[in-house]
Amino acid sequence: MRSGSYDPRTRRGSGYCATVRVTNRTARRVAWRASVAAPGKVTSLWDAVGRDTGARLRVRGPAYAPTLAPRASTEFGFCADR
């Protein structure tokens, strides 16, 4: 099973930035994806490829790191305006 955690790091004006950690808890390599609550409009995204679908940000691994090894973790980040 894959799991994740969300850590809003910085508030900036009327917005915020967050770091999200994604962990592969399975015994096999997986293509990783995540969906996180992201109130407001996402203005920047790094270390993932994704799209803002309203109140959620849906992402997947970038071309240079699309999969996670067993029990490995990765992080991506984003900023949004509220």
PDB file of N, CA and C in Angstrom:
ATOM      1  N   MET A   1       0.835  -1.178   0.000  1.00  0.00           N
ATOM      2  CA  MET A   1       0.000   0.000   0.000  1.00  0.00           C
ATOM      3  C   MET A   1       0.879   1.241   0.000  1.00  0.00           C
ATOM      4  N   ARG A   2       0.479   2.231  -0.732  1.00  0.00           N
ATOM      5  CA  ARG A   2       1.180   3.514  -0.719  1.00  0.00           C
ATOM      6  C   ARG A   2       0.548   4.418   0.314  1.00  0.00           C
ATOM      7  N   SER A   3       1.353   5.236   0.939  1.00  0.00           N
ATOM      8  CA  SER A   3       0.809   6.171   1.912  1.00  0.00           C
ATOM      9  C   SER A   3       1.458   7.521   1.709  1.00  0.00           C
ATOM     10  N   GLY A   4       0.890   8.524   2.318  1.00  0.00           N
ATOM     11  CA  GLY A   4       1.454   9.854   2.162  1.00  0.00           C
ATOM     12  C   GLY A   4       1.197  10.708   3.376  1.00  0.00           C
ATOM     13  N   SER A   5       1.923  11.799   3.457  1.00  0.00           N
ATOM     14  CA  SER A   5       1.694  12.776   4.510  1.00  0.00           C
ATOM     15  C   SER A   5       1.813  14.164   3.908  1.00  0.00           C
ATOM     16  N   TYR A   6       1.135  15.098   4.515  1.00  0.00           N
ATOM     17  CA  TYR A   6       1.022  16.456   3.990  1.00  0.00           C
ATOM     18  C   TYR A   6       1.511  17.413   5.056  1.00  0.00           C
ATOM     19  N   ASP A   7       2.412  18.292   4.694  1.00  0.00           N
ATOM     20  CA  ASP A   7       2.980  19.224   5.663  1.00  0.00           C
ATOM     21  C   ASP A   7       3.010  20.631   5.085  1.00  0.00           C
ATOM     22  N   PRO A   8       2.016  21.484   5.422  1.00  0.00           N
ATOM     23  CA  PRO A   8       2.078  22.858   4.937  1.00  0.00           C
ATOM     24  C   PRO A   8       3.229  23.584   5.626  1.00  0.00           C
ATOM     25  N   ARG A   9       4.195  24.030   4.859  1.00  0.00           N
ATOM     26  CA  ARG A   9       5.417  24.602   5.418  1.00  0.00           C
ATOM     27  C   ARG A   9       5.377  26.114   5.558  1.00  0.00           C
ATOM     28  N   THR A  10       4.852  26.775   4.565  1.00  0.00           N
ATOM     29  CA  THR A  10       4.992  28.218   4.516  1.00  0.00           C
ATOM     30  C   THR A  10       3.673  28.866   4.171  1.00  0.00           C
ATOM     31  N   ARG A  11       3.347  29.913   4.867  1.00  0.00           N
ATOM     32  CA  ARG A  11       2.204  30.733   4.462  1.00  0.00           C
ATOM     33  C   ARG A  11       2.781  31.966   3.812  1.00  0.00           C
ATOM     34  N   ARG A  12       2.198  32.360   2.720  1.00  0.00           N
ATOM     35  CA  ARG A  12       2.698  33.543   2.026  1.00  0.00           C
ATOM     36  C   ARG A  12       1.512  34.362   1.552  1.00  0.00           C
ATOM     37  N   GLY A  13       1.373  35.543   2.127  1.00  0.00           N
ATOM     38  CA  GLY A  13       0.239  36.392   1.770  1.00  0.00           C
ATOM     39  C   GLY A  13      -1.069  35.670   1.973  1.00  0.00           C
ATOM     40  N   SER A  14      -1.832  35.559   0.901  1.00  0.00           N
ATOM     41  CA  SER A  14      -3.119  34.866   0.977  1.00  0.00           C
ATOM     42  C   SER A  14      -2.992  33.402   0.566  1.00  0.00           C
ATOM     43  N   GLY A  15      -1.766  32.895   0.460  1.00  0.00           N
ATOM     44  CA  GLY A  15      -1.576  31.516   0.027  1.00  0.00           C
ATOM     45  C   GLY A  15      -0.702  30.716   0.973  1.00  0.00           C
ATOM     46  N   TYR A  16      -0.231  29.593   0.469  1.00  0.00           N
ATOM     47  CA  TYR A  16       0.595  28.697   1.273  1.00  0.00           C
ATOM     48  C   TYR A  16       1.416  27.806   0.355  1.00  0.00           C
ATOM     49  N   CYS A  17       2.445  27.189   0.898  1.00  0.00           N
ATOM     50  CA  CYS A  17       3.227  26.169   0.208  1.00  0.00           C
ATOM     51  C   CYS A  17       3.209  24.921   1.074  1.00  0.00           C
ATOM     52  N   ALA A  18       3.308  23.757   0.447  1.00  0.00           N
ATOM     53  CA  ALA A  18       3.274  22.500   1.192  1.00  0.00           C
ATOM     54  C   ALA A  18       4.229  21.494   0.577  1.00  0.00           C
ATOM     55  N   THR A  19       4.693  20.591   1.422  1.00  0.00           N
ATOM     56  CA  THR A  19       5.496  19.450   0.990  1.00  0.00           C
ATOM     57  C   THR A  19       4.696  18.197   1.293  1.00  0.00           C
ATOM     58  N   VAL A  20       4.653  17.271   0.343  1.00  0.00           N
ATOM     59  CA  VAL A  20       3.913  16.031   0.513  1.00  0.00           C
ATOM     60  C   VAL A  20       4.888  14.867   0.355  1.00  0.00           C
ATOM     61  N   ARG A  21       4.900  13.973   1.310  1.00  0.00           N
ATOM     62  CA  ARG A  21       5.760  12.791   1.260  1.00  0.00           C
ATOM     63  C   ARG A  21       4.900  11.594   0.865  1.00  0.00           C
ATOM     64  N   VAL A  22       5.364  10.836  -0.116  1.00  0.00           N
ATOM     65  CA  VAL A  22       4.667   9.646  -0.602  1.00  0.00           C
ATOM     66  C   VAL A  22       5.571   8.447  -0.338  1.00  0.00           C
ATOM     67  N   THR A  23       5.025   7.401   0.287  1.00  0.00           N
ATOM     68  CA  THR A  23       5.802   6.211   0.620  1.00  0.00           C
ATOM     69  C   THR A  23       5.164   4.975   0.005  1.00  0.00           C
ATOM     70  N   ASN A  24       5.979   4.149  -0.618  1.00  0.00           N
ATOM     71  CA  ASN A  24       5.528   2.869  -1.156  1.00  0.00           C
ATOM     72  C   ASN A  24       5.682   1.820  -0.063  1.00  0.00           C
ATOM     73  N   ARG A  25       4.600   1.345   0.489  1.00  0.00           N
ATOM     74  CA  ARG A  25       4.659   0.359   1.569  1.00  0.00           C
ATOM     75  C   ARG A  25       4.503  -1.068   1.057  1.00  0.00           C
ATOM     76  N   THR A  26       4.542  -1.245  -0.258  1.00  0.00           N
ATOM     77  CA  THR A  26       4.417  -2.582  -0.833  1.00  0.00           C
ATOM     78  C   THR A  26       5.799  -3.219  -0.993  1.00  0.00           C
ATOM     79  N   ALA A  27       5.797  -4.477  -1.393  1.00  0.00           N
ATOM     80  CA  ALA A  27       7.048  -5.207  -1.619  1.00  0.00           C
ATOM     81  C   ALA A  27       7.457  -5.172  -3.089  1.00  0.00           C
ATOM     82  N   ARG A  28       6.808  -4.335  -3.876  1.00  0.00           N
ATOM     83  CA  ARG A  28       7.164  -4.244  -5.299  1.00  0.00           C
ATOM     84  C   ARG A  28       7.261  -2.791  -5.734  1.00  0.00           C
ATOM     85  N   ARG A  29       7.962  -2.578  -6.838  1.00  0.00           N
ATOM     86  CA  ARG A  29       8.100  -1.233  -7.413  1.00  0.00           C
ATOM     87  C   ARG A  29       6.739  -0.805  -7.965  1.00  0.00           C
ATOM     88  N   VAL A  30       6.373   0.441  -7.748  1.00  0.00           N
ATOM     89  CA  VAL A  30       5.086   0.949  -8.228  1.00  0.00           C
ATOM     90  C   VAL A  30       5.259   2.306  -8.904  1.00  0.00           C
ATOM     91  N   ALA A  31       4.402   2.576  -9.879  1.00  0.00           N
ATOM     92  CA  ALA A  31       4.284   3.921 -10.449  1.00  0.00           C
ATOM     93  C   ALA A  31       3.487   4.716  -9.421  1.00  0.00           C
ATOM     94  N   TRP A  32       4.044   5.810  -8.943  1.00  0.00           N
ATOM     95  CA  TRP A  32       3.367   6.505  -7.853  1.00  0.00           C
ATOM     96  C   TRP A  32       2.441   7.605  -8.341  1.00  0.00           C
ATOM     97  N   ARG A  33       1.368   7.766  -7.593  1.00  0.00           N
ATOM     98  CA  ARG A  33       0.356   8.802  -7.815  1.00  0.00           C
ATOM     99  C   ARG A  33      -0.119   9.275  -6.453  1.00  0.00           C
ATOM    100  N   ALA A  34      -0.625  10.488  -6.413  1.00  0.00           N
ATOM    101  CA  ALA A  34      -1.173  11.013  -5.160  1.00  0.00           C
ATOM    102  C   ALA A  34      -2.281  12.000  -5.467  1.00  0.00           C
ATOM    103  N   SER A  35      -3.180  12.139  -4.527  1.00  0.00           N
ATOM    104  CA  SER A  35      -4.252  13.117  -4.604  1.00  0.00           C
ATOM    105  C   SER A  35      -4.345  13.764  -3.238  1.00  0.00           C
ATOM    106  N   VAL A  36      -4.170  15.083  -3.194  1.00  0.00           N
ATOM    107  CA  VAL A  36      -4.188  15.788  -1.906  1.00  0.00           C
ATOM    108  C   VAL A  36      -5.139  16.978  -1.968  1.00  0.00           C
ATOM    109  N   ALA A  37      -5.697  17.311  -0.816  1.00  0.00           N
ATOM    110  CA  ALA A  37      -6.516  18.514  -0.719  1.00  0.00           C
ATOM    111  C   ALA A  37      -5.609  19.709  -0.961  1.00  0.00           C
ATOM    112  N   ALA A  38      -6.036  20.610  -1.833  1.00  0.00           N
ATOM    113  CA  ALA A  38      -5.259  21.805  -2.142  1.00  0.00           C
ATOM    114  C   ALA A  38      -6.221  22.966  -2.328  1.00  0.00           C
ATOM    115  N   PRO A  39      -6.721  23.523  -1.216  1.00  0.00           N
ATOM    116  CA  PRO A  39      -7.654  24.642  -1.326  1.00  0.00           C
ATOM    117  C   PRO A  39      -7.028  25.802  -2.089  1.00  0.00           C
ATOM    118  N   GLY A  40      -7.778  26.400  -2.977  1.00  0.00           N
ATOM    119  CA  GLY A  40      -7.284  27.526  -3.760  1.00  0.00           C
ATOM    120  C   GLY A  40      -6.737  27.087  -5.098  1.00  0.00           C
ATOM    121  N   LYS A  41      -6.028  27.997  -5.763  1.00  0.00           N
ATOM    122  CA  LYS A  41      -5.461  27.724  -7.082  1.00  0.00           C
ATOM    123  C   LYS A  41      -3.977  27.405  -6.941  1.00  0.00           C
ATOM    124  N   VAL A  42      -3.575  26.229  -7.408  1.00  0.00           N
ATOM    125  CA  VAL A  42      -2.165  25.841  -7.364  1.00  0.00           C
ATOM    126  C   VAL A  42      -1.397  26.723  -8.349  1.00  0.00           C
ATOM    127  N   THR A  43      -0.344  27.365  -7.852  1.00  0.00           N
ATOM    128  CA  THR A  43       0.444  28.296  -8.678  1.00  0.00           C
ATOM    129  C   THR A  43       1.799  27.729  -9.072  1.00  0.00           C
ATOM    130  N   SER A  44       2.287  26.735  -8.331  1.00  0.00           N
ATOM    131  CA  SER A  44       3.538  26.080  -8.710  1.00  0.00           C
ATOM    132  C   SER A  44       3.567  24.667  -8.138  1.00  0.00           C
ATOM    133  N   LEU A  45       4.296  23.792  -8.827  1.00  0.00           N
ATOM    134  CA  LEU A  45       4.397  22.383  -8.468  1.00  0.00           C
ATOM    135  C   LEU A  45       5.794  21.928  -8.826  1.00  0.00           C
ATOM    136  N   TRP A  46       6.453  21.184  -7.925  1.00  0.00           N
ATOM    137  CA  TRP A  46       7.781  20.675  -8.251  1.00  0.00           C
ATOM    138  C   TRP A  46       7.927  19.227  -7.808  1.00  0.00           C
ATOM    139  N   ASP A  47       8.783  18.511  -8.527  1.00  0.00           N
ATOM    140  CA  ASP A  47       9.101  17.097  -8.303  1.00  0.00           C
ATOM    141  C   ASP A  47       7.907  16.173  -8.497  1.00  0.00           C
ATOM    142  N   ALA A  48       6.946  16.600  -9.319  1.00  0.00           N
ATOM    143  CA  ALA A  48       5.798  15.782  -9.706  1.00  0.00           C
ATOM    144  C   ALA A  48       5.165  16.432 -10.931  1.00  0.00           C
ATOM    145  N   VAL A  49       4.305  15.674 -11.583  1.00  0.00           N
ATOM    146  CA  VAL A  49       3.530  16.182 -12.715  1.00  0.00           C
ATOM    147  C   VAL A  49       2.075  16.072 -12.305  1.00  0.00           C
ATOM    148  N   GLY A  50       1.286  17.114 -12.504  1.00  0.00           N
ATOM    149  CA  GLY A  50      -0.094  17.008 -12.070  1.00  0.00           C
ATOM    150  C   GLY A  50      -0.971  18.126 -12.540  1.00  0.00           C
ATOM    151  N   ARG A  51      -2.181  18.112 -11.992  1.00  0.00           N
ATOM    152  CA  ARG A  51      -3.143  19.156 -12.320  1.00  0.00           C
ATOM    153  C   ARG A  51      -4.032  19.427 -11.118  1.00  0.00           C
ATOM    154  N   ASP A  52      -4.456  20.643 -11.074  1.00  0.00           N
ATOM    155  CA  ASP A  52      -5.358  21.132 -10.037  1.00  0.00           C
ATOM    156  C   ASP A  52      -6.776  20.874 -10.528  1.00  0.00           C
ATOM    157  N   THR A  53      -7.560  20.146  -9.762  1.00  0.00           N
ATOM    158  CA  THR A  53      -8.926  19.833 -10.180  1.00  0.00           C
ATOM    159  C   THR A  53      -9.941  20.487  -9.255  1.00  0.00           C
ATOM    160  N   GLY A  54      -9.693  21.712  -8.890  1.00  0.00           N
ATOM    161  CA  GLY A  54     -10.593  22.404  -7.972  1.00  0.00           C
ATOM    162  C   GLY A  54     -10.005  22.385  -6.582  1.00  0.00           C
ATOM    163  N   ALA A  55     -10.588  21.594  -5.701  1.00  0.00           N
ATOM    164  CA  ALA A  55     -10.106  21.528  -4.319  1.00  0.00           C
ATOM    165  C   ALA A  55      -9.043  20.450  -4.120  1.00  0.00           C
ATOM    166  N   ARG A  56      -8.694  19.714  -5.185  1.00  0.00           N
ATOM    167  CA  ARG A  56      -7.702  18.639  -5.073  1.00  0.00           C
ATOM    168  C   ARG A  56      -6.602  18.820  -6.108  1.00  0.00           C
ATOM    169  N   LEU A  57      -5.423  18.372  -5.732  1.00  0.00           N
ATOM    170  CA  LEU A  57      -4.287  18.335  -6.637  1.00  0.00           C
ATOM    171  C   LEU A  57      -3.987  16.863  -6.888  1.00  0.00           C
ATOM    172  N   ARG A  58      -4.012  16.455  -8.143  1.00  0.00           N
ATOM    173  CA  ARG A  58      -3.731  15.063  -8.506  1.00  0.00           C
ATOM    174  C   ARG A  58      -2.392  15.041  -9.230  1.00  0.00           C
ATOM    175  N   VAL A  59      -1.466  14.217  -8.731  1.00  0.00           N
ATOM    176  CA  VAL A  59      -0.117  14.185  -9.288  1.00  0.00           C
ATOM    177  C   VAL A  59       0.341  12.754  -9.532  1.00  0.00           C
ATOM    178  N   ARG A  60       1.434  12.652 -10.302  1.00  0.00           N
ATOM    179  CA  ARG A  60       2.118  11.374 -10.530  1.00  0.00           C
ATOM    180  C   ARG A  60       3.604  11.658 -10.576  1.00  0.00           C
ATOM    181  N   GLY A  61       4.381  10.604 -10.573  1.00  0.00           N
ATOM    182  CA  GLY A  61       5.827  10.761 -10.617  1.00  0.00           C
ATOM    183  C   GLY A  61       6.273  11.438 -11.894  1.00  0.00           C
ATOM    184  N   PRO A  62       7.312  12.268 -11.820  1.00  0.00           N
ATOM    185  CA  PRO A  62       7.822  12.943 -13.011  1.00  0.00           C
ATOM    186  C   PRO A  62       8.557  11.960 -13.919  1.00  0.00           C
ATOM    187  N   ALA A  63       8.844  12.367 -15.144  1.00  0.00           N
ATOM    188  CA  ALA A  63       9.496  11.495 -16.128  1.00  0.00           C
ATOM    189  C   ALA A  63      10.827  10.953 -15.622  1.00  0.00           C
ATOM    190  N   TYR A  64      11.541  11.730 -14.824  1.00  0.00           N
ATOM    191  CA  TYR A  64      12.853  11.285 -14.353  1.00  0.00           C
ATOM    192  C   TYR A  64      12.772  10.358 -13.134  1.00  0.00           C
ATOM    193  N   ALA A  65      11.594  10.199 -12.527  1.00  0.00           N
ATOM    194  CA  ALA A  65      11.428   9.309 -11.367  1.00  0.00           C
ATOM    195  C   ALA A  65       9.974   8.865 -11.237  1.00  0.00           C
ATOM    196  N   PRO A  66       9.469   8.124 -12.221  1.00  0.00           N
ATOM    197  CA  PRO A  66       8.044   7.784 -12.212  1.00  0.00           C
ATOM    198  C   PRO A  66       7.654   6.664 -11.254  1.00  0.00           C
ATOM    199  N   THR A  67       8.626   5.913 -10.739  1.00  0.00           N
ATOM    200  CA  THR A  67       8.297   4.786  -9.872  1.00  0.00           C
ATOM    201  C   THR A  67       9.012   4.900  -8.527  1.00  0.00           C
ATOM    202  N   LEU A  68       8.484   4.150  -7.563  1.00  0.00           N
ATOM    203  CA  LEU A  68       9.090   4.059  -6.234  1.00  0.00           C
ATOM    204  C   LEU A  68       9.438   2.602  -5.958  1.00  0.00           C
ATOM    205  N   ALA A  69      10.649   2.364  -5.498  1.00  0.00           N
ATOM    206  CA  ALA A  69      11.076   1.030  -5.104  1.00  0.00           C
ATOM    207  C   ALA A  69      10.313   0.612  -3.847  1.00  0.00           C
ATOM    208  N   PRO A  70      10.332  -0.679  -3.512  1.00  0.00           N
ATOM    209  CA  PRO A  70       9.675  -1.127  -2.287  1.00  0.00           C
ATOM    210  C   PRO A  70      10.174  -0.361  -1.063  1.00  0.00           C
ATOM    211  N   ARG A  71       9.248   0.098  -0.260  1.00  0.00           N
ATOM    212  CA  ARG A  71       9.523   0.827   0.984  1.00  0.00           C
ATOM    213  C   ARG A  71      10.287   2.136   0.802  1.00  0.00           C
ATOM    214  N   ALA A  72      10.341   2.636  -0.418  1.00  0.00           N
ATOM    215  CA  ALA A  72      11.006   3.923  -0.689  1.00  0.00           C
ATOM    216  C   ALA A  72      10.005   5.067  -0.569  1.00  0.00           C
ATOM    217  N   SER A  73      10.534   6.269  -0.387  1.00  0.00           N
ATOM    218  CA  SER A  73       9.708   7.473  -0.288  1.00  0.00           C
ATOM    219  C   SER A  73      10.222   8.537  -1.242  1.00  0.00           C
ATOM    220  N   THR A  74       9.345   9.462  -1.566  1.00  0.00           N
ATOM    221  CA  THR A  74       9.711  10.642  -2.335  1.00  0.00           C
ATOM    222  C   THR A  74       8.878  11.804  -1.822  1.00  0.00           C
ATOM    223  N   GLU A  75       9.262  13.000  -2.186  1.00  0.00           N
ATOM    224  CA  GLU A  75       8.493  14.185  -1.807  1.00  0.00           C
ATOM    225  C   GLU A  75       8.258  15.057  -3.026  1.00  0.00           C
ATOM    226  N   PHE A  76       7.131  15.749  -3.013  1.00  0.00           N
ATOM    227  CA  PHE A  76       6.876  16.790  -4.002  1.00  0.00           C
ATOM    228  C   PHE A  76       6.308  17.982  -3.250  1.00  0.00           C
ATOM    229  N   GLY A  77       6.309  19.128  -3.898  1.00  0.00           N
ATOM    230  CA  GLY A  77       5.809  20.310  -3.245  1.00  0.00           C
ATOM    231  C   GLY A  77       4.973  21.159  -4.174  1.00  0.00           C
ATOM    232  N   PHE A  78       4.198  22.049  -3.568  1.00  0.00           N
ATOM    233  CA  PHE A  78       3.389  22.970  -4.355  1.00  0.00           C
ATOM    234  C   PHE A  78       3.090  24.215  -3.540  1.00  0.00           C
ATOM    235  N   CYS A  79       2.750  25.272  -4.246  1.00  0.00           N
ATOM    236  CA  CYS A  79       2.262  26.499  -3.626  1.00  0.00           C
ATOM    237  C   CYS A  79       0.895  26.793  -4.229  1.00  0.00           C
ATOM    238  N   ALA A  80       0.032  27.434  -3.446  1.00  0.00           N
ATOM    239  CA  ALA A  80      -1.314  27.767  -3.909  1.00  0.00           C
ATOM    240  C   ALA A  80      -1.762  29.084  -3.304  1.00  0.00           C
ATOM    241  N   ASP A  81      -2.608  29.772  -4.020  1.00  0.00           N
ATOM    242  CA  ASP A  81      -3.273  30.982  -3.529  1.00  0.00           C
ATOM    243  C   ASP A  81      -4.653  30.567  -3.067  1.00  0.00           C
ATOM    244  N   ARG A  82      -5.114  31.133  -1.970  1.00  0.00           N
ATOM    245  CA  ARG A  82      -6.460  30.803  -1.472  1.00  0.00           C
ATOM    246  C   ARG A  82      -7.476  31.752  -2.018  1.00  0.00           C
TER     247      ARG A  82
END
